Amino acid sequence: MITFNNALEVALQHVCSWDKKTFLTEVTLIRDVFGKISFLMDNVESIADIDKENIEKILSQNLGKYFSGKIYWKKLSSKQKRIQEREEIIVQLIEQERAEWIVKQDISFYIAERTIAKKAWIRKNESLESVWTYEDAVLKTGTKVVTFYSFKGGMGRTTALAGTALTLVNQGKNVMMVDTDIEAPGLASLFFDEEMIDRGVLDYLIEQGICQGINIADYVLDVTEPVLLDEMAGQLYLMPAGKVDKYYLQKLARIDYQDNREGYMRKSLAGLLTDIKENYAVDYILIDARAGFHDMGGVTVTQIPHGVIVFGNDSRQSWDGITQVLRTIAEGHTEDFPVMLVGTMCPKPTASNFLSAKEHFIKKAYTVCVENYYDADSGIPGIEAEGEIHYPELISFNDELLQGIELYSDGGQERNQRVSAYKNILTGEDYKKITERMKSWFGEG
């Protein structure tokens, strides 16, 4: 039975069984937005009409509805050229988009996926390593961009970002938190009462395309809660997703999640981050990414940061997502790209099952990394190698955080004590380990 999953393999098999395959040097399989497959054949000499009809018949019979009926030929007879001349531009576009697949029977096979969405997750991103170079982040401007991501919601990603930010700030660093989870915003509600939130990322993305000379400060909030910040603390800023009011959905509906304008989403987010860097002297920009295989999440994870922190628990659904994320990063980055895996909802270190739970998580992480991330040619680290991607940081389950976190006070003693208690949790040992490991990526200790 032909399915989407095996259609490419079936096509490969029957191209290789064609009696004229020796005429071919390269074959590109183009799968369109509906899942149908077309072919670009690079042939050493023109193919007779009867032979072209033969391969079309073979593919039609064996691929069924998965064959689009279209085959493009690089070398044509004079008569064929006149018929197919208008398709030269199509051939050029295909060759620009395709990716190497496999060499079989001396034929190089390529794949070109013509997708509607999820481009940031499924396209390789060698030319999009980060919003600005690692050297700029460390040696020049000093502004590092780190994305916090989880495949599943409820993994404590946003809480960990807040904890990391507070830890950095209380070490004297200046930090900007950016909530790009514009479909389910939540970061701002940790630090501010709803009445304090006005505009944010969503408004910026809409308005920067309409108005010239917008001021980034109009979209940013200063976190000044004295209970949170020590006397020698750095500056803490927050760019919310936006205010969820009666206008929010209308603005949300105008964001091009599917990136129909090629590269537009990355360009917009890169412009936002550059605006922050030029107007705020921050050491770190911490991005709260959308959970799941979301287009904007793909951009913030694979195309603009200098490093990624991936959160998940020891469940099958979580591992499925982590596996795909690591595979995408491994395929899309040509140089070392720091990634940290964080296991959440873990037993407390004092619990009797802590060590066994930690060992199980590490074993699973190691298997996933060996199969999907580590390069055998560069050497695979041992399972006990701390600091490697497969060796996670762990966050223990804390039921005190289940009631909802509020990191702002009305000045009353009871509220001050509550904020102070939350701060102590979020700057505790678990979050300190995440912060210190992240800092080590940039030569800070």
Foldseek 3Di string as FASTA:
>chain_A
DDDLVCLVVQLVVLCVVQPPNVQFQEKEWEQAAVSATEIETEGVEADDPVSVVVSLVSSCVRNPPSHPSHYHYPHHDPVVCVVCVVCVVVVVVQVVQWDWDDADPNHTYIYHYHHQALCLLPGAAAVQQALDDLCCCQPNLLEAEEEFAFQDPPQCRLLLLVLLLLLQQQVAFEEEEAEPQLVDWDNVQQQDDLVVFAAFDLCQLVVVVPDPPDQLVVQKDWRDFPLSYDPNTYTYMYRTSGRPDPCSVVSVVPDCQRPPPPPPLLVSVSVSVVSCSVPPSGNYYYYYAHHHSTSNNSCSLAGHGQAYEYTDEPDPVRLVVVLSSQLSNQRHYPDDRYYAYEHEQAADPVDPCRVVRLVVQLVSLLVSCVVRHDDVVVPRDDSPDPLDRSNHQYYHDDVVCVVDHHLHDPPDPVRSVRNNVSSCNSNDDSSVVVNVSVVVVSVHD
